[in-house]
Amino acid sequence: MSDAKQLVLEAMKKAGKPVRPGEIAKETGLDSKEVSKIIKELKKEGLVHSPKRCYYAVKG
């Protein structure tokens, strides 16, 4: 797993609630487009889910 993916996952875990990509971008210092791309990949891998539109959370 890439460092950026790890960073996004950690930020999501730390939030403890469903978050928007923009919030993760602020927290990690990554570009929001990059964060959205990473979330899409993590979703495909089954590591995150979207409990409601535009919000994402870590599974489990």
C-alpha atoms as a PDB file:
ATOM      1  CA  MET A   1       0.000   0.000   0.000  1.00  0.00           C
ATOM      2  CA  SER A   2       1.344   3.447  -0.911  1.00  0.00           C
ATOM      3  CA  ASP A   3       2.213   6.047   1.708  1.00  0.00           C
ATOM      4  CA  ALA A   4      -0.583   8.317   0.481  1.00  0.00           C
ATOM      5  CA  LYS A   5      -3.158   5.514   0.821  1.00  0.00           C
ATOM      6  CA  GLN A   6      -1.906   4.775   4.318  1.00  0.00           C
ATOM      7  CA  LEU A   7      -2.132   8.473   5.196  1.00  0.00           C
ATOM      8  CA  VAL A   8      -5.739   8.686   3.968  1.00  0.00           C
ATOM      9  CA  LEU A   9      -6.742   5.517   5.855  1.00  0.00           C
ATOM     10  CA  GLU A  10      -5.130   6.776   9.074  1.00  0.00           C
ATOM     11  CA  ALA A  11      -6.902  10.137   8.766  1.00  0.00           C
ATOM     12  CA  MET A  12     -10.244   8.347   8.275  1.00  0.00           C
ATOM     13  CA  LYS A  13      -9.633   6.108  11.304  1.00  0.00           C
ATOM     14  CA  LYS A  14      -8.597   9.114  13.393  1.00  0.00           C
ATOM     15  CA  ALA A  15     -11.777  11.014  12.462  1.00  0.00           C
ATOM     16  CA  GLY A  16     -13.883   8.173  13.869  1.00  0.00           C
ATOM     17  CA  LYS A  17     -16.846   9.181  11.725  1.00  0.00           C
ATOM     18  CA  PRO A  18     -17.711   9.370   8.028  1.00  0.00           C
ATOM     19  CA  VAL A  19     -15.736  12.204   6.419  1.00  0.00           C
ATOM     20  CA  ARG A  20     -15.653  14.057   3.120  1.00  0.00           C
ATOM     21  CA  PRO A  21     -12.587  13.921   0.848  1.00  0.00           C
ATOM     22  CA  GLY A  22     -12.022  17.659   1.438  1.00  0.00           C
ATOM     23  CA  GLU A  23     -11.704  17.116   5.183  1.00  0.00           C
ATOM     24  CA  ILE A  24      -9.159  14.349   4.627  1.00  0.00           C
ATOM     25  CA  ALA A  25      -7.230  16.607   2.223  1.00  0.00           C
ATOM     26  CA  LYS A  26      -6.999  19.317   4.915  1.00  0.00           C
ATOM     27  CA  GLU A  27      -5.948  16.794   7.556  1.00  0.00           C
ATOM     28  CA  THR A  28      -3.273  15.122   5.416  1.00  0.00           C
ATOM     29  CA  GLY A  29      -2.075  18.065   3.325  1.00  0.00           C
ATOM     30  CA  LEU A  30      -2.767  16.106   0.130  1.00  0.00           C
ATOM     31  CA  ASP A  31      -4.609  17.566  -2.850  1.00  0.00           C
ATOM     32  CA  SER A  32      -8.369  16.886  -2.682  1.00  0.00           C
ATOM     33  CA  LYS A  33      -8.406  15.376  -6.198  1.00  0.00           C
ATOM     34  CA  GLU A  34      -5.650  12.993  -5.118  1.00  0.00           C
ATOM     35  CA  VAL A  35      -7.618  12.087  -1.982  1.00  0.00           C
ATOM     36  CA  SER A  36     -10.745  11.356  -4.053  1.00  0.00           C
ATOM     37  CA  LYS A  37      -8.713   9.090  -6.346  1.00  0.00           C
ATOM     38  CA  ILE A  38      -7.234   7.237  -3.359  1.00  0.00           C
ATOM     39  CA  ILE A  39     -10.664   6.801  -1.747  1.00  0.00           C
ATOM     40  CA  LYS A  40     -11.975   5.350  -5.013  1.00  0.00           C
ATOM     41  CA  GLU A  41      -9.121   2.803  -5.001  1.00  0.00           C
ATOM     42  CA  LEU A  42      -9.643   1.969  -1.313  1.00  0.00           C
ATOM     43  CA  LYS A  43     -13.360   1.480  -1.989  1.00  0.00           C
ATOM     44  CA  LYS A  44     -12.548  -0.919  -4.837  1.00  0.00           C
ATOM     45  CA  GLU A  45     -10.246  -2.836  -2.478  1.00  0.00           C
ATOM     46  CA  GLY A  46     -13.072  -3.081   0.068  1.00  0.00           C
ATOM     47  CA  LEU A  47     -11.290  -1.085   2.780  1.00  0.00           C
ATOM     48  CA  VAL A  48     -13.699   1.862   2.913  1.00  0.00           C
ATOM     49  CA  HIS A  49     -17.395   2.368   2.264  1.00  0.00           C
ATOM     50  CA  SER A  50     -19.757   5.269   1.752  1.00  0.00           C
ATOM     51  CA  PRO A  51     -22.505   5.332   4.410  1.00  0.00           C
ATOM     52  CA  LYS A  52     -24.049   8.376   2.711  1.00  0.00           C
ATOM     53  CA  ARG A  53     -23.389  10.360  -0.435  1.00  0.00           C
ATOM     54  CA  CYS A  54     -19.970  12.070  -0.509  1.00  0.00           C
ATOM     55  CA  TYR A  55     -18.986  10.716   2.908  1.00  0.00           C
ATOM     56  CA  TYR A  56     -16.568   7.866   3.458  1.00  0.00           C
ATOM     57  CA  ALA A  57     -15.596   5.693   6.405  1.00  0.00           C
ATOM     58  CA  VAL A  58     -13.230   2.804   7.104  1.00  0.00           C
ATOM     59  CA  LYS A  59     -14.931  -0.613   7.059  1.00  0.00           C
ATOM     60  CA  GLY A  60     -14.974  -2.711  10.180  1.00  0.00           C
END
